[in-house]
Amino acid sequence: VSGKGEDPLARLEQQFETDWGRSIADAIGHHEVAGASAVLVDETEPMAHRVWGWRNLERELPTTHDTRYPAASLTKLVAALTLVGADRRGDLNLDRSLEAFARSYPRSTVARWRRQAFARWRAHWPLQITYRRLLSHGAGLDTHGIGHFGQDAACNAVEGIILGRPGAPGCGGVRPRHPPGKRLRYSGGGYTIAESMLETETGQAFGDYDTKHVLVPYGLARSTFADAHPSMPHLARGCCRGDCR
């Protein structure tokens, strides 16, 4: 990647500027992003780490090597690793259908959702929805992203995300849109269902199971599956195109 004594990220910055006509720092300013971090990894070993800007623009707190970022949809990779590992461990079967799961756990949130969402002509779809299809976005479900719904705790909870809450704007639950296996449709809701199924099968909270079997073994000691909270140390405050939340 680089010669002896040469900073590999410096070469990366030079290549970025050549390809895009501006430096990484200039690109951060152009897109009105408060700050950023970059880590260059060779195989599995981090080689260099550089930071730019602010982790909290309003409080003028600079980005540091300890800055923690809310990972948003990147958590799906971690969730998928968790579920694949659970299959290899024998804690679940990636090919188990939603129908079989609902029959085994009739009082679970996912079983209630299955009865609610697949009436009449969709009744056979749960036979074709498996963990694999949930993880590959091939289950035909909607609910693109899983965000937060103000102070509505009932809708923010896993049960509220899956089942929905009548009368709550944007809280309609996860719904089937296409026959399973016929087309890809990005679905954060599908991942929430898969995570809820693992919780039911193992009797453990998904975040705890993930921490034990993925984050800790991979050395991600500062990472967590919990929601970002201002009390977390070194937390970056989201800022994109000038809109800081």
C-alpha atoms as a PDB file:
ATOM      1  CA  VAL A   1       0.000   0.000   0.000  1.00  0.00           C
ATOM      2  CA  SER A   2       2.830   2.385   0.732  1.00  0.00           C
ATOM      3  CA  GLY A   3       6.589   2.638   0.969  1.00  0.00           C
ATOM      4  CA  LYS A   4       8.500   2.453   4.235  1.00  0.00           C
ATOM      5  CA  GLY A   5       7.732   5.412   6.482  1.00  0.00           C
ATOM      6  CA  GLU A   6       5.044   6.761   4.163  1.00  0.00           C
ATOM      7  CA  ASP A   7       1.624   7.664   5.510  1.00  0.00           C
ATOM      8  CA  PRO A   8      -0.843   5.519   3.506  1.00  0.00           C
ATOM      9  CA  LEU A   9      -3.732   7.873   4.264  1.00  0.00           C
ATOM     10  CA  ALA A  10      -1.757  10.742   2.764  1.00  0.00           C
ATOM     11  CA  ARG A  11      -1.647   8.793  -0.503  1.00  0.00           C
ATOM     12  CA  LEU A  12      -5.363   8.127  -0.174  1.00  0.00           C
ATOM     13  CA  GLU A  13      -6.028  11.835   0.282  1.00  0.00           C
ATOM     14  CA  GLN A  14      -3.918  12.651  -2.768  1.00  0.00           C
ATOM     15  CA  GLN A  15      -5.820  10.095  -4.848  1.00  0.00           C
ATOM     16  CA  PHE A  16      -9.145  11.456  -3.580  1.00  0.00           C
ATOM     17  CA  GLU A  17      -8.166  14.974  -4.581  1.00  0.00           C
ATOM     18  CA  THR A  18      -7.008  13.797  -8.011  1.00  0.00           C
ATOM     19  CA  ASP A  19     -10.232  11.863  -8.663  1.00  0.00           C
ATOM     20  CA  TRP A  20     -12.717  14.357  -7.195  1.00  0.00           C
ATOM     21  CA  GLY A  21     -10.984  17.692  -7.613  1.00  0.00           C
ATOM     22  CA  ARG A  22     -11.063  18.557  -3.915  1.00  0.00           C
ATOM     23  CA  SER A  23      -9.478  17.378  -0.689  1.00  0.00           C
ATOM     24  CA  ILE A  24     -11.358  15.282   1.861  1.00  0.00           C
ATOM     25  CA  ALA A  25     -11.522  18.330   4.143  1.00  0.00           C
ATOM     26  CA  ASP A  26     -12.949  20.414   1.277  1.00  0.00           C
ATOM     27  CA  ALA A  27     -15.496  17.676   0.490  1.00  0.00           C
ATOM     28  CA  ILE A  28     -16.657  17.690   4.123  1.00  0.00           C
ATOM     29  CA  GLY A  29     -17.192  21.445   3.904  1.00  0.00           C
ATOM     30  CA  HIS A  30     -18.878  21.168   0.497  1.00  0.00           C
ATOM     31  CA  HIS A  31     -21.446  18.688   1.791  1.00  0.00           C
ATOM     32  CA  GLU A  32     -21.869  20.605   5.069  1.00  0.00           C
ATOM     33  CA  VAL A  33     -20.914  17.587   7.155  1.00  0.00           C
ATOM     34  CA  ALA A  34     -19.562  18.523  10.577  1.00  0.00           C
ATOM     35  CA  GLY A  35     -16.780  15.941  10.786  1.00  0.00           C
ATOM     36  CA  ALA A  36     -15.495  12.596   9.596  1.00  0.00           C
ATOM     37  CA  SER A  37     -13.029   9.811  10.354  1.00  0.00           C
ATOM     38  CA  ALA A  38     -11.162   7.511   7.982  1.00  0.00           C
ATOM     39  CA  VAL A  39      -9.375   4.281   8.811  1.00  0.00           C
ATOM     40  CA  LEU A  40      -7.266   2.411   6.275  1.00  0.00           C
ATOM     41  CA  VAL A  41      -7.284  -1.354   6.853  1.00  0.00           C
ATOM     42  CA  ASP A  42      -4.867  -3.849   5.303  1.00  0.00           C
ATOM     43  CA  GLU A  43      -6.453  -7.297   5.446  1.00  0.00           C
ATOM     44  CA  THR A  44      -7.675  -7.174   9.058  1.00  0.00           C
ATOM     45  CA  GLU A  45      -5.108  -4.757  10.491  1.00  0.00           C
ATOM     46  CA  PRO A  46      -5.782  -0.999  10.758  1.00  0.00           C
ATOM     47  CA  MET A  47      -2.859   0.897   9.220  1.00  0.00           C
ATOM     48  CA  ALA A  48      -3.790   4.539   9.662  1.00  0.00           C
ATOM     49  CA  HIS A  49      -6.536   6.657  11.215  1.00  0.00           C
ATOM     50  CA  ARG A  50      -7.257  10.304  10.472  1.00  0.00           C
ATOM     51  CA  VAL A  51     -10.002  12.665  11.581  1.00  0.00           C
ATOM     52  CA  TRP A  52     -11.489  15.937  10.342  1.00  0.00           C
ATOM     53  CA  GLY A  53     -13.855  18.580  11.692  1.00  0.00           C
ATOM     54  CA  TRP A  54     -16.222  18.444  14.629  1.00  0.00           C
ATOM     55  CA  ARG A  55     -18.063  15.636  16.401  1.00  0.00           C
ATOM     56  CA  ASN A  56     -20.409  18.274  17.827  1.00  0.00           C
ATOM     57  CA  LEU A  57     -20.497  21.472  15.798  1.00  0.00           C
ATOM     58  CA  GLU A  58     -22.772  23.417  18.135  1.00  0.00           C
ATOM     59  CA  ARG A  59     -20.538  22.777  21.144  1.00  0.00           C
ATOM     60  CA  GLU A  60     -17.349  23.024  19.053  1.00  0.00           C
ATOM     61  CA  LEU A  61     -16.127  19.607  20.151  1.00  0.00           C
ATOM     62  CA  PRO A  62     -13.546  18.317  17.635  1.00  0.00           C
ATOM     63  CA  THR A  63     -13.600  14.879  16.077  1.00  0.00           C
ATOM     64  CA  THR A  64     -10.991  12.642  17.718  1.00  0.00           C
ATOM     65  CA  HIS A  65      -9.738   9.084  17.345  1.00  0.00           C
ATOM     66  CA  ASP A  66     -12.228   8.118  20.072  1.00  0.00           C
ATOM     67  CA  THR A  67     -15.291   9.587  18.349  1.00  0.00           C
ATOM     68  CA  ARG A  68     -18.268   7.191  18.180  1.00  0.00           C
ATOM     69  CA  TYR A  69     -20.654   7.394  15.218  1.00  0.00           C
ATOM     70  CA  PRO A  70     -24.269   6.208  15.010  1.00  0.00           C
ATOM     71  CA  ALA A  71     -23.923   3.531  12.340  1.00  0.00           C
ATOM     72  CA  ALA A  72     -27.495   3.615  10.952  1.00  0.00           C
ATOM     73  CA  SER A  73     -27.965   1.041   8.176  1.00  0.00           C
ATOM     74  CA  LEU A  74     -24.412  -0.256   8.557  1.00  0.00           C
ATOM     75  CA  THR A  75     -25.772  -2.101  11.588  1.00  0.00           C
ATOM     76  CA  LYS A  76     -27.468  -4.504   9.158  1.00  0.00           C
ATOM     77  CA  LEU A  77     -24.066  -6.040   8.402  1.00  0.00           C
ATOM     78  CA  VAL A  78     -23.527  -6.616  12.119  1.00  0.00           C
ATOM     79  CA  ALA A  79     -27.069  -7.959  12.540  1.00  0.00           C
ATOM     80  CA  ALA A  80     -26.555 -10.361   9.644  1.00  0.00           C
ATOM     81  CA  LEU A  81     -23.269 -11.611  11.149  1.00  0.00           C
ATOM     82  CA  THR A  82     -25.113 -12.165  14.423  1.00  0.00           C
ATOM     83  CA  LEU A  83     -27.876 -14.217  12.811  1.00  0.00           C
ATOM     84  CA  VAL A  84     -25.529 -16.266  10.620  1.00  0.00           C
ATOM     85  CA  GLY A  85     -23.456 -17.028  13.699  1.00  0.00           C
ATOM     86  CA  ALA A  86     -26.609 -18.050  15.573  1.00  0.00           C
ATOM     87  CA  ASP A  87     -27.373 -20.525  12.774  1.00  0.00           C
ATOM     88  CA  ARG A  88     -23.884 -22.022  12.966  1.00  0.00           C
ATOM     89  CA  ARG A  89     -24.220 -22.213  16.750  1.00  0.00           C
ATOM     90  CA  GLY A  90     -27.499 -24.081  16.433  1.00  0.00           C
ATOM     91  CA  ASP A  91     -29.537 -21.349  18.098  1.00  0.00           C
ATOM     92  CA  LEU A  92     -31.727 -20.960  15.006  1.00  0.00           C
ATOM     93  CA  ASN A  93     -32.101 -22.222  11.431  1.00  0.00           C
ATOM     94  CA  LEU A  94     -31.712 -19.645   8.659  1.00  0.00           C
ATOM     95  CA  ASP A  95     -34.037 -21.698   6.454  1.00  0.00           C
ATOM     96  CA  ARG A  96     -36.854 -21.849   8.990  1.00  0.00           C
ATOM     97  CA  SER A  97     -40.001 -20.274   7.599  1.00  0.00           C
ATOM     98  CA  LEU A  98     -42.045 -17.562   9.230  1.00  0.00           C
ATOM     99  CA  GLU A  99     -44.975 -19.999   9.223  1.00  0.00           C
ATOM    100  CA  ALA A 100     -43.028 -22.633  11.176  1.00  0.00           C
ATOM    101  CA  PHE A 101     -41.777 -20.011  13.603  1.00  0.00           C
ATOM    102  CA  ALA A 102     -45.278 -18.641  14.244  1.00  0.00           C
ATOM    103  CA  ARG A 103     -46.600 -22.133  14.938  1.00  0.00           C
ATOM    104  CA  SER A 104     -43.798 -22.794  17.433  1.00  0.00           C
ATOM    105  CA  TYR A 105     -44.213 -19.420  19.188  1.00  0.00           C
ATOM    106  CA  PRO A 106     -47.908 -18.494  18.765  1.00  0.00           C
ATOM    107  CA  ARG A 107     -47.821 -15.801  21.466  1.00  0.00           C
ATOM    108  CA  SER A 108     -44.781 -13.973  20.102  1.00  0.00           C
ATOM    109  CA  THR A 109     -44.912 -10.524  18.520  1.00  0.00           C
ATOM    110  CA  VAL A 110     -43.902 -11.995  15.149  1.00  0.00           C
ATOM    111  CA  ALA A 111     -46.693 -14.607  15.321  1.00  0.00           C
ATOM    112  CA  ARG A 112     -49.200 -11.828  16.038  1.00  0.00           C
ATOM    113  CA  TRP A 113     -47.812  -9.903  13.059  1.00  0.00           C
ATOM    114  CA  ARG A 114     -48.084 -12.995  10.858  1.00  0.00           C
ATOM    115  CA  ARG A 115     -51.801 -13.331  11.714  1.00  0.00           C
ATOM    116  CA  GLN A 116     -52.380  -9.613  11.186  1.00  0.00           C
ATOM    117  CA  ALA A 117     -50.460  -9.092   7.937  1.00  0.00           C
ATOM    118  CA  PHE A 118     -51.086 -12.208   5.857  1.00  0.00           C
ATOM    119  CA  ALA A 119     -54.830 -12.643   5.637  1.00  0.00           C
ATOM    120  CA  ARG A 120     -56.671 -14.167   2.633  1.00  0.00           C
ATOM    121  CA  TRP A 121     -54.710 -14.381  -0.612  1.00  0.00           C
ATOM    122  CA  ARG A 122     -51.356 -13.723   1.077  1.00  0.00           C
ATOM    123  CA  ALA A 123     -51.851 -16.575   3.535  1.00  0.00           C
ATOM    124  CA  HIS A 124     -49.238 -18.817   1.850  1.00  0.00           C
ATOM    125  CA  TRP A 125     -46.490 -16.162   1.776  1.00  0.00           C
ATOM    126  CA  PRO A 126     -45.224 -16.912   5.346  1.00  0.00           C
ATOM    127  CA  LEU A 127     -44.237 -20.389   4.107  1.00  0.00           C
ATOM    128  CA  GLN A 128     -41.749 -18.706   1.762  1.00  0.00           C
ATOM    129  CA  ILE A 129     -40.358 -16.082   4.146  1.00  0.00           C
ATOM    130  CA  THR A 130     -37.221 -17.311   5.924  1.00  0.00           C
ATOM    131  CA  TYR A 131     -34.443 -15.697   7.908  1.00  0.00           C
ATOM    132  CA  ARG A 132     -32.359 -15.753   4.712  1.00  0.00           C
ATOM    133  CA  ARG A 133     -34.935 -13.783   2.773  1.00  0.00           C
ATOM    134  CA  LEU A 134     -35.373 -11.298   5.584  1.00  0.00           C
ATOM    135  CA  LEU A 135     -31.608 -10.680   5.653  1.00  0.00           C
ATOM    136  CA  SER A 136     -31.304 -10.416   1.846  1.00  0.00           C
ATOM    137  CA  HIS A 137     -34.297  -8.048   1.478  1.00  0.00           C
ATOM    138  CA  GLY A 138     -36.077 -10.704  -0.564  1.00  0.00           C
ATOM    139  CA  ALA A 139     -39.088 -11.194   1.707  1.00  0.00           C
ATOM    140  CA  GLY A 140     -41.206  -8.593  -0.115  1.00  0.00           C
ATOM    141  CA  LEU A 141     -41.743  -6.386   2.941  1.00  0.00           C
ATOM    142  CA  ASP A 142     -41.950  -2.589   3.253  1.00  0.00           C
ATOM    143  CA  THR A 143     -40.754  -0.215   6.022  1.00  0.00           C
ATOM    144  CA  HIS A 144     -37.552   0.976   4.394  1.00  0.00           C
ATOM    145  CA  GLY A 145     -35.943   2.553   7.441  1.00  0.00           C
ATOM    146  CA  ILE A 146     -36.338   2.262  11.186  1.00  0.00           C
ATOM    147  CA  GLY A 147     -36.073   5.704  12.744  1.00  0.00           C
ATOM    148  CA  HIS A 148     -37.605   7.341  15.755  1.00  0.00           C
ATOM    149  CA  PHE A 149     -41.140   8.626  16.113  1.00  0.00           C
ATOM    150  CA  GLY A 150     -40.785  11.568  18.479  1.00  0.00           C
ATOM    151  CA  GLN A 151     -41.713  10.738  22.049  1.00  0.00           C
ATOM    152  CA  ASP A 152     -44.049   7.895  21.086  1.00  0.00           C
ATOM    153  CA  ALA A 153     -42.384   5.096  23.050  1.00  0.00           C
ATOM    154  CA  ALA A 154     -45.027   2.575  21.973  1.00  0.00           C
ATOM    155  CA  CYS A 155     -44.106   3.101  18.328  1.00  0.00           C
ATOM    156  CA  ASN A 156     -40.359   3.152  18.961  1.00  0.00           C
ATOM    157  CA  ALA A 157     -40.492  -0.243  20.656  1.00  0.00           C
ATOM    158  CA  VAL A 158     -39.890  -3.358  18.543  1.00  0.00           C
ATOM    159  CA  GLU A 159     -43.531  -4.362  18.913  1.00  0.00           C
ATOM    160  CA  GLY A 160     -44.673  -0.949  17.689  1.00  0.00           C
ATOM    161  CA  ILE A 161     -42.320  -1.032  14.699  1.00  0.00           C
ATOM    162  CA  ILE A 162     -43.550  -4.478  13.630  1.00  0.00           C
ATOM    163  CA  LEU A 163     -47.264  -4.264  14.431  1.00  0.00           C
ATOM    164  CA  GLY A 164     -47.761  -0.523  14.087  1.00  0.00           C
ATOM    165  CA  ARG A 165     -49.993   1.695  16.154  1.00  0.00           C
ATOM    166  CA  PRO A 166     -53.346   2.942  14.793  1.00  0.00           C
ATOM    167  CA  GLY A 167     -53.533   6.719  14.666  1.00  0.00           C
ATOM    168  CA  ALA A 168     -49.798   7.298  15.068  1.00  0.00           C
ATOM    169  CA  PRO A 169     -48.377   9.065  11.965  1.00  0.00           C
ATOM    170  CA  GLY A 170     -45.647   7.041  10.268  1.00  0.00           C
ATOM    171  CA  CYS A 171     -46.230   4.085  12.573  1.00  0.00           C
ATOM    172  CA  GLY A 172     -48.093   1.722  10.285  1.00  0.00           C
ATOM    173  CA  GLY A 173     -46.118  -1.406  11.038  1.00  0.00           C
ATOM    174  CA  VAL A 174     -44.340  -3.732   8.597  1.00  0.00           C
ATOM    175  CA  ARG A 175     -46.468  -4.861   5.660  1.00  0.00           C
ATOM    176  CA  PRO A 176     -46.020  -7.409   2.848  1.00  0.00           C
ATOM    177  CA  ARG A 177     -45.895  -5.789  -0.590  1.00  0.00           C
ATOM    178  CA  HIS A 178     -44.588  -8.453  -2.982  1.00  0.00           C
ATOM    179  CA  PRO A 179     -44.521 -12.261  -3.081  1.00  0.00           C
ATOM    180  CA  PRO A 180     -41.377 -13.510  -1.303  1.00  0.00           C
ATOM    181  CA  GLY A 181     -38.436 -14.191  -3.582  1.00  0.00           C
ATOM    182  CA  LYS A 182     -39.838 -12.244  -6.557  1.00  0.00           C
ATOM    183  CA  ARG A 183     -38.011  -8.937  -6.121  1.00  0.00           C
ATOM    184  CA  LEU A 184     -35.616  -7.159  -3.792  1.00  0.00           C
ATOM    185  CA  ARG A 185     -37.056  -4.423  -1.601  1.00  0.00           C
ATOM    186  CA  TYR A 186     -34.898  -2.782   1.057  1.00  0.00           C
ATOM    187  CA  SER A 187     -36.592  -3.381   4.381  1.00  0.00           C
ATOM    188  CA  GLY A 188     -35.331  -2.290   7.762  1.00  0.00           C
ATOM    189  CA  GLY A 189     -38.609  -3.672   9.025  1.00  0.00           C
ATOM    190  CA  GLY A 190     -37.629  -7.121   7.784  1.00  0.00           C
ATOM    191  CA  TYR A 191     -34.436  -6.934   9.836  1.00  0.00           C
ATOM    192  CA  THR A 192     -36.427  -5.912  12.901  1.00  0.00           C
ATOM    193  CA  ILE A 193     -38.595  -9.009  12.426  1.00  0.00           C
ATOM    194  CA  ALA A 194     -35.523 -11.261  12.097  1.00  0.00           C
ATOM    195  CA  GLU A 195     -34.016  -9.735  15.252  1.00  0.00           C
ATOM    196  CA  SER A 196     -37.275 -10.228  17.143  1.00  0.00           C
ATOM    197  CA  MET A 197     -37.364 -13.876  16.026  1.00  0.00           C
ATOM    198  CA  LEU A 198     -33.842 -14.429  17.367  1.00  0.00           C
ATOM    199  CA  GLU A 199     -34.854 -12.873  20.699  1.00  0.00           C
ATOM    200  CA  THR A 200     -37.799 -15.270  20.934  1.00  0.00           C
ATOM    201  CA  GLU A 201     -35.731 -18.333  20.004  1.00  0.00           C
ATOM    202  CA  THR A 202     -32.822 -17.578  22.358  1.00  0.00           C
ATOM    203  CA  GLY A 203     -34.576 -15.759  25.184  1.00  0.00           C
ATOM    204  CA  GLN A 204     -31.930 -13.012  24.972  1.00  0.00           C
ATOM    205  CA  ALA A 205     -32.160  -9.376  23.901  1.00  0.00           C
ATOM    206  CA  PHE A 206     -30.695  -8.985  20.422  1.00  0.00           C
ATOM    207  CA  GLY A 207     -28.196  -6.348  21.591  1.00  0.00           C
ATOM    208  CA  ASP A 208     -26.925  -8.618  24.371  1.00  0.00           C
ATOM    209  CA  TYR A 209     -26.612 -11.607  22.037  1.00  0.00           C
ATOM    210  CA  ASP A 210     -24.835  -9.470  19.427  1.00  0.00           C
ATOM    211  CA  THR A 211     -22.431  -8.020  21.988  1.00  0.00           C
ATOM    212  CA  LYS A 212     -21.505 -11.461  23.308  1.00  0.00           C
ATOM    213  CA  HIS A 213     -21.075 -13.220  19.972  1.00  0.00           C
ATOM    214  CA  VAL A 214     -19.972 -10.469  17.550  1.00  0.00           C
ATOM    215  CA  LEU A 215     -18.846  -7.172  19.080  1.00  0.00           C
ATOM    216  CA  VAL A 216     -16.675  -8.578  21.879  1.00  0.00           C
ATOM    217  CA  PRO A 217     -15.057 -11.394  19.805  1.00  0.00           C
ATOM    218  CA  TYR A 218     -14.272  -8.916  17.003  1.00  0.00           C
ATOM    219  CA  GLY A 219     -12.671  -6.489  19.456  1.00  0.00           C
ATOM    220  CA  LEU A 220     -15.337  -3.802  19.027  1.00  0.00           C
ATOM    221  CA  ALA A 221     -15.325  -2.989  22.723  1.00  0.00           C
ATOM    222  CA  ARG A 222     -16.614   0.567  22.271  1.00  0.00           C
ATOM    223  CA  SER A 223     -19.435  -0.397  19.927  1.00  0.00           C
ATOM    224  CA  THR A 224     -22.980  -1.054  21.052  1.00  0.00           C
ATOM    225  CA  PHE A 225     -26.317  -2.050  19.562  1.00  0.00           C
ATOM    226  CA  ALA A 226     -28.093   0.347  21.918  1.00  0.00           C
ATOM    227  CA  ASP A 227     -29.632   3.562  20.593  1.00  0.00           C
ATOM    228  CA  ALA A 228     -27.277   6.525  20.559  1.00  0.00           C
ATOM    229  CA  HIS A 229     -27.805   8.781  23.571  1.00  0.00           C
ATOM    230  CA  PRO A 230     -26.186  12.138  24.426  1.00  0.00           C
ATOM    231  CA  SER A 231     -24.806  10.614  27.625  1.00  0.00           C
ATOM    232  CA  MET A 232     -22.551   8.287  25.612  1.00  0.00           C
ATOM    233  CA  PRO A 233     -18.917   9.474  25.738  1.00  0.00           C
ATOM    234  CA  HIS A 234     -17.324  10.818  22.546  1.00  0.00           C
ATOM    235  CA  LEU A 235     -20.611  10.543  20.623  1.00  0.00           C
ATOM    236  CA  ALA A 236     -20.794  12.340  17.280  1.00  0.00           C
ATOM    237  CA  ARG A 237     -23.892  14.413  16.692  1.00  0.00           C
ATOM    238  CA  GLY A 238     -25.393  13.743  13.278  1.00  0.00           C
ATOM    239  CA  CYS A 239     -24.860  16.617  10.836  1.00  0.00           C
ATOM    240  CA  CYS A 240     -25.546  16.466   7.097  1.00  0.00           C
ATOM    241  CA  ARG A 241     -25.864  19.311   4.602  1.00  0.00           C
ATOM    242  CA  GLY A 242     -26.012  21.803   7.427  1.00  0.00           C
ATOM    243  CA  ASP A 243     -28.821  20.019   9.279  1.00  0.00           C
ATOM    244  CA  CYS A 244     -27.539  18.957  12.714  1.00  0.00           C
ATOM    245  CA  ARG A 245     -29.794  16.677  14.774  1.00  0.00           C
END
